[in-house]
Amino acid sequence: MNDPAPGHPPWILGRSASEPDLGTIQEVQVLGPYNSGTNLMFAYQRRLFDLPAAVHRLFGKHSLPPHYRWGGPGCLWSPGAPMPLKKISATTLLICMVRRPYFWALSTSRRSYGIAFLDRRRTFADRIRSRVRFQEVTYPNLIAVWNAYYRAYQRHLEPHQVLYVRLEDLVEEPHRLLASLGRHLPQQTGIDLDRVIEEVAGTPAKRHGGDCVFGEAAKQEYRAEMVARRIEAEDLTWINQHLDHEIRQRFAYPRAAGHGGETLGQGSSGPEPVEQASAGRPLS
């Protein structure tokens, strides 16, 4: 696969107009931020496709390039050391999970895993504004981490064989996306796709603080119109002021509107369709 040209659009499963010729794929590496759907993708890959999923072979699945966790917490590759990416062969496919930034922030404010909130506050409004520490780097706020992930993927991973999968698409249309993925990966024999999807998708969606939801209710949790029902306009305005809108637009996510007349963050290309915020109480 050739190196992407500057400004080259990402390959998004089920959304890109054209797909690259990958040749023979012998291994998959699943990557993504915490709360982006890496476990769901891995579950489908393991059940459907006849090749190893090297979740941790090259570097930790939640690592943020150019630093790569190797061997456990605290073991980081030096910026001057040879990057693990040099070991990726032409037969390895990197699958990078993407999640709508508003929902990602909501989930991560509830369950942050390796992301440490330095201001030690508990509400969603406070946590998105808090300084955070992640993989030896301090960020000014939580949204800066989402920005950093996909800037880093664009710079360090896209020169390799990278396929992006939007979590919302995988939840909403698993048949279509997995059938599309199956055109590039060797499939296990005797597999009933409908049954696998029923079993994997039937597991509860993680809400981190709310009741578990299943089936159609779980799909509803990931839909764009739910953003304005979960997050207050004031917080959406703040998020939009700090979000890299060029990155957001690369993945075809609409902007969720906050208060009228808001000043957008970097990368905004001007007016675009938006999702209106409600005055309802958000989940905290």
Protein backbone atom coordinates (compact mmCIF):
# COMPACT_ATOMS: atom_id res chain seq x y z
CA MET A 1 0.00 0.00 0.00
CA ASN A 2 1.46 3.39 -0.99
CA ASP A 3 2.09 6.18 1.46
CA PRO A 4 -0.93 8.53 1.62
CA ALA A 5 -0.44 11.91 0.02
CA PRO A 6 -0.91 15.02 2.18
CA GLY A 7 -4.62 15.55 2.69
CA HIS A 8 -5.40 12.03 1.47
CA PRO A 9 -8.72 10.88 2.97
CA PRO A 10 -8.60 7.97 5.40
CA TRP A 11 -9.89 4.52 4.45
CA ILE A 12 -13.04 4.10 6.55
CA LEU A 13 -14.73 0.71 6.46
CA GLY A 14 -18.10 0.91 4.73
CA ARG A 15 -17.77 4.64 3.95
CA SER A 16 -14.88 5.18 1.56
CA ALA A 17 -15.72 5.39 -2.13
CA SER A 18 -12.75 3.21 -3.06
CA GLU A 19 -10.70 0.60 -1.24
CA PRO A 20 -7.00 -0.15 -1.61
CA ASP A 21 -5.66 -3.44 -2.89
CA LEU A 22 -4.12 -4.96 0.23
CA GLY A 23 -2.79 -8.13 -1.26
CA THR A 24 -2.56 -11.10 1.11
CA ILE A 25 -3.17 -10.20 4.77
CA GLN A 26 -1.74 -12.63 7.32
CA GLU A 27 -2.15 -10.67 10.54
CA VAL A 28 -4.36 -7.98 12.07
CA GLN A 29 -3.37 -5.42 14.71
CA VAL A 30 -6.36 -3.76 16.45
CA LEU A 31 -5.67 -0.29 17.83
CA GLY A 32 -7.62 2.60 19.32
CA PRO A 33 -8.11 4.82 22.34
CA TYR A 34 -9.75 3.45 25.46
CA ASN A 35 -13.55 3.35 25.02
CA SER A 36 -13.33 3.24 21.21
CA GLY A 37 -14.54 -0.33 20.61
CA THR A 38 -11.28 -2.27 20.33
CA ASN A 39 -12.70 -5.20 22.31
CA LEU A 40 -15.78 -5.39 20.09
CA MET A 41 -13.67 -5.37 16.94
CA PHE A 42 -11.35 -8.00 18.36
CA ALA A 43 -14.34 -10.22 19.26
CA TYR A 44 -15.61 -10.14 15.68
CA GLN A 45 -12.15 -10.65 14.20
CA ARG A 46 -11.44 -13.64 16.41
CA ARG A 47 -14.75 -15.34 15.60
CA LEU A 48 -14.91 -14.67 11.86
CA PHE A 49 -11.49 -14.52 10.30
CA ASP A 50 -8.82 -17.14 9.87
CA LEU A 51 -5.71 -15.24 10.92
CA PRO A 52 -4.11 -14.11 14.18
CA ALA A 53 -5.11 -10.84 15.82
CA ALA A 54 -1.88 -9.49 17.23
CA VAL A 55 -3.48 -7.13 19.72
CA HIS A 56 -0.25 -6.65 21.68
CA ARG A 57 2.53 -7.96 19.43
CA LEU A 58 3.94 -4.71 18.11
CA PHE A 59 2.78 -2.31 20.80
CA GLY A 60 -0.10 -1.82 23.22
CA LYS A 61 -3.46 -1.43 21.50
CA HIS A 62 -4.14 1.85 23.31
CA SER A 63 -0.67 3.33 22.74
CA LEU A 64 -0.45 6.81 21.32
CA PRO A 65 2.32 7.10 18.70
CA PRO A 66 5.20 7.88 18.57
CA HIS A 67 5.45 6.32 22.05
CA TYR A 68 4.63 2.62 22.27
CA ARG A 69 4.07 0.61 25.41
CA TRP A 70 6.23 -2.48 25.38
CA GLY A 71 6.09 -5.12 28.10
CA GLY A 72 3.83 -3.35 30.57
CA PRO A 73 3.05 0.00 32.19
CA GLY A 74 5.99 2.35 32.35
CA CYS A 75 7.89 0.68 29.49
CA LEU A 76 7.95 3.28 26.73
CA TRP A 77 9.92 3.41 23.53
CA SER A 78 12.26 6.38 23.46
CA PRO A 79 11.45 8.88 20.71
CA GLY A 80 14.94 8.24 19.33
CA ALA A 81 14.66 4.45 19.35
CA PRO A 82 13.67 2.42 16.26
CA MET A 83 9.90 2.50 16.02
CA PRO A 84 8.01 -0.80 16.23
CA LEU A 85 6.17 0.24 13.08
CA LYS A 86 9.30 -0.62 11.14
CA LYS A 87 8.59 -4.25 12.01
CA ILE A 88 5.16 -4.22 10.38
CA SER A 89 5.22 -6.34 7.27
CA ALA A 90 3.24 -5.73 4.12
CA THR A 91 0.93 -8.55 5.19
CA THR A 92 -0.21 -6.83 8.41
CA LEU A 93 -3.43 -4.81 8.48
CA LEU A 94 -3.79 -2.14 11.17
CA ILE A 95 -7.42 -1.68 12.21
CA CYS A 96 -7.87 1.60 14.07
CA MET A 97 -11.11 2.19 15.93
CA VAL A 98 -12.75 5.63 15.94
CA ARG A 99 -15.56 6.90 18.13
CA ARG A 100 -17.58 10.12 17.95
CA PRO A 101 -15.59 12.56 20.11
CA TYR A 102 -18.57 13.66 22.19
CA PHE A 103 -19.48 10.11 23.20
CA TRP A 104 -15.83 9.21 23.67
CA ALA A 105 -15.45 12.08 26.13
CA LEU A 106 -18.61 11.03 27.96
CA SER A 107 -17.46 7.43 28.39
CA THR A 108 -13.90 8.38 29.27
CA SER A 109 -15.06 10.85 31.91
CA ARG A 110 -16.77 7.91 33.62
CA ARG A 111 -14.10 5.25 33.07
CA SER A 112 -10.71 6.68 32.17
CA TYR A 113 -8.51 3.57 32.47
CA GLY A 114 -4.94 4.84 31.91
CA ILE A 115 -5.90 8.50 31.58
CA ALA A 116 -5.40 10.36 34.88
CA PHE A 117 -7.45 13.48 35.68
CA LEU A 118 -5.03 15.81 37.44
CA ASP A 119 -7.66 18.19 38.84
CA ARG A 120 -9.42 15.33 40.67
CA ARG A 121 -13.00 16.37 39.96
CA ARG A 122 -15.88 14.05 39.23
CA THR A 123 -18.55 15.70 37.07
CA PHE A 124 -18.52 15.48 33.30
CA ALA A 125 -18.27 19.26 32.96
CA ASP A 126 -15.23 19.35 35.22
CA ARG A 127 -13.50 16.33 33.75
CA ILE A 128 -13.57 17.43 30.12
CA ARG A 129 -11.89 20.67 31.28
CA SER A 130 -9.39 18.98 33.59
CA ARG A 131 -5.71 18.61 32.76
CA VAL A 132 -4.96 14.94 32.12
CA ARG A 133 -1.87 12.75 32.17
CA PHE A 134 -1.51 9.91 29.70
CA GLN A 135 1.54 7.86 28.76
CA GLU A 136 4.02 10.29 30.32
CA VAL A 137 2.45 13.34 28.63
CA THR A 138 0.28 16.06 30.23
CA TYR A 139 -2.58 17.42 28.11
CA PRO A 140 -4.51 20.63 28.84
CA ASN A 141 -7.88 18.85 28.76
CA LEU A 142 -9.56 15.56 27.86
CA ILE A 143 -10.51 16.61 24.32
CA ALA A 144 -6.83 17.21 23.55
CA VAL A 145 -6.26 13.46 24.00
CA TRP A 146 -8.84 12.57 21.31
CA ASN A 147 -7.24 15.11 19.00
CA ALA A 148 -3.75 13.74 19.72
CA TYR A 149 -4.73 10.14 18.95
CA TYR A 150 -6.02 10.75 15.47
CA ARG A 151 -3.35 13.28 14.54
CA ALA A 152 -0.79 10.66 15.56
CA TYR A 153 -2.56 7.90 13.64
CA GLN A 154 -2.64 10.11 10.56
CA ARG A 155 1.06 10.90 10.81
CA HIS A 156 2.54 7.62 12.03
CA LEU A 157 0.12 4.87 11.00
CA GLU A 158 -1.49 5.92 7.73
CA PRO A 159 1.76 5.40 5.79
CA HIS A 160 1.12 1.71 6.56
CA GLN A 161 -1.94 -0.45 5.84
CA VAL A 162 -4.54 1.29 8.00
CA LEU A 163 -8.27 0.66 8.03
CA TYR A 164 -10.44 2.86 10.25
CA VAL A 165 -13.66 1.45 11.70
CA ARG A 166 -16.17 3.82 13.26
CA LEU A 167 -17.64 2.23 16.37
CA GLU A 168 -21.06 3.69 15.62
CA ASP A 169 -21.11 2.01 12.20
CA LEU A 170 -20.03 -1.34 13.61
CA VAL A 171 -22.82 -1.21 16.19
CA GLU A 172 -25.49 0.01 13.75
CA GLU A 173 -24.66 -2.11 10.70
CA PRO A 174 -22.47 -5.05 11.69
CA HIS A 175 -23.56 -7.25 8.76
CA ARG A 176 -22.60 -4.70 6.12
CA LEU A 177 -19.29 -3.74 7.71
CA LEU A 178 -18.14 -7.27 8.47
CA ALA A 179 -19.08 -8.45 4.99
CA SER A 180 -16.98 -5.58 3.62
CA LEU A 181 -14.08 -6.52 5.88
CA GLY A 182 -14.40 -10.13 4.74
CA ARG A 183 -13.43 -9.08 1.21
CA HIS A 184 -9.92 -8.37 2.51
CA LEU A 185 -9.37 -11.07 5.14
CA PRO A 186 -9.41 -14.88 4.96
CA GLN A 187 -12.57 -16.18 6.60
CA GLN A 188 -13.01 -19.21 8.80
CA THR A 189 -14.94 -22.04 7.19
CA GLY A 190 -18.40 -23.04 8.31
CA ILE A 191 -19.08 -19.72 10.07
CA ASP A 192 -22.65 -18.43 10.36
CA LEU A 193 -22.26 -14.64 10.20
CA ASP A 194 -25.78 -14.00 11.50
CA ARG A 195 -25.19 -16.18 14.54
CA VAL A 196 -21.82 -14.62 15.34
CA ILE A 197 -23.28 -11.12 15.14
CA GLU A 198 -26.23 -12.14 17.30
CA GLU A 199 -23.89 -13.52 19.97
CA VAL A 200 -21.32 -10.73 19.91
CA ALA A 201 -23.72 -7.80 19.46
CA GLY A 202 -26.01 -9.28 22.11
CA THR A 203 -23.53 -8.48 24.85
CA PRO A 204 -24.36 -5.38 26.91
CA ALA A 205 -23.08 -2.02 25.70
CA LYS A 206 -20.80 -0.41 28.27
CA ARG A 207 -22.31 2.80 29.63
CA HIS A 208 -19.97 3.32 32.59
CA GLY A 209 -22.38 4.49 35.23
CA GLY A 210 -25.74 3.59 33.70
CA ASP A 211 -27.74 0.41 33.33
CA CYS A 212 -26.63 -2.10 30.71
CA VAL A 213 -28.58 -1.93 27.46
CA PHE A 214 -29.07 -4.49 24.70
CA GLY A 215 -30.16 -4.78 21.08
CA GLU A 216 -31.96 -1.78 19.59
CA ALA A 217 -31.56 0.21 22.82
CA ALA A 218 -27.81 -0.28 22.59
CA LYS A 219 -27.78 0.94 18.99
CA GLN A 220 -29.72 4.03 20.02
CA GLU A 221 -27.01 4.94 22.50
CA TYR A 222 -24.51 5.44 19.66
CA ARG A 223 -26.66 7.50 17.29
CA ALA A 224 -25.84 11.10 16.51
CA GLU A 225 -29.09 12.52 17.83
CA MET A 226 -28.26 11.20 21.30
CA VAL A 227 -25.32 13.60 21.70
CA ALA A 228 -27.58 16.57 22.39
CA ARG A 229 -29.62 14.51 24.85
CA ARG A 230 -26.59 13.43 26.84
CA ILE A 231 -24.50 16.60 26.95
CA GLU A 232 -25.63 20.13 27.84
CA ALA A 233 -25.22 22.95 25.35
CA GLU A 234 -22.64 24.76 27.49
CA ASP A 235 -20.40 21.67 27.54
CA LEU A 236 -20.88 21.06 23.82
CA THR A 237 -19.83 24.64 23.16
CA TRP A 238 -16.68 24.11 25.23
CA ILE A 239 -15.88 20.81 23.49
CA ASN A 240 -16.29 22.40 20.07
CA GLN A 241 -13.90 25.17 21.05
CA HIS A 242 -11.18 22.59 21.80
CA LEU A 243 -11.97 19.88 19.24
CA ASP A 244 -9.86 19.50 16.10
CA HIS A 245 -12.65 19.83 13.56
CA GLU A 246 -10.45 18.85 10.66
CA ILE A 247 -9.95 15.46 12.30
CA ARG A 248 -13.66 15.20 13.15
CA GLN A 249 -14.61 15.94 9.55
CA ARG A 250 -12.11 13.38 8.22
CA PHE A 251 -14.24 10.72 9.90
CA ALA A 252 -17.55 12.24 8.70
CA TYR A 253 -18.86 13.08 12.16
CA PRO A 254 -21.30 16.02 12.24
CA ARG A 255 -20.67 18.81 14.71
CA ALA A 256 -22.97 18.85 17.73
CA ALA A 257 -24.21 22.39 18.25
CA GLY A 258 -23.77 24.14 21.56
CA HIS A 259 -24.83 27.72 22.23
CA GLY A 260 -25.45 29.93 19.22
CA GLY A 261 -22.53 31.95 17.92
CA GLU A 262 -19.92 29.61 19.40
CA THR A 263 -16.30 29.95 18.36
CA LEU A 264 -15.08 26.67 16.88
CA GLY A 265 -11.76 25.02 17.53
CA GLN A 266 -9.00 24.51 15.01
CA GLY A 267 -9.59 22.99 11.64
CA SER A 268 -13.16 24.20 11.20
CA SER A 269 -14.10 24.76 7.57
CA GLY A 270 -17.10 26.96 8.27
CA PRO A 271 -20.87 26.29 8.29
CA GLU A 272 -21.98 22.67 8.22
CA PRO A 273 -24.97 20.56 9.36
CA VAL A 274 -25.13 20.32 13.14
CA GLU A 275 -26.94 18.36 15.82
CA GLN A 276 -28.86 20.67 18.14
CA ALA A 277 -28.26 20.45 21.88
CA SER A 278 -31.18 20.07 24.24
CA ALA A 279 -31.69 21.66 27.62
CA GLY A 280 -32.11 18.27 29.21
CA ARG A 281 -29.96 17.09 32.08
CA PRO A 282 -26.83 15.25 30.87
CA LEU A 283 -25.49 12.02 32.22
CA SER A 284 -22.64 12.68 34.67
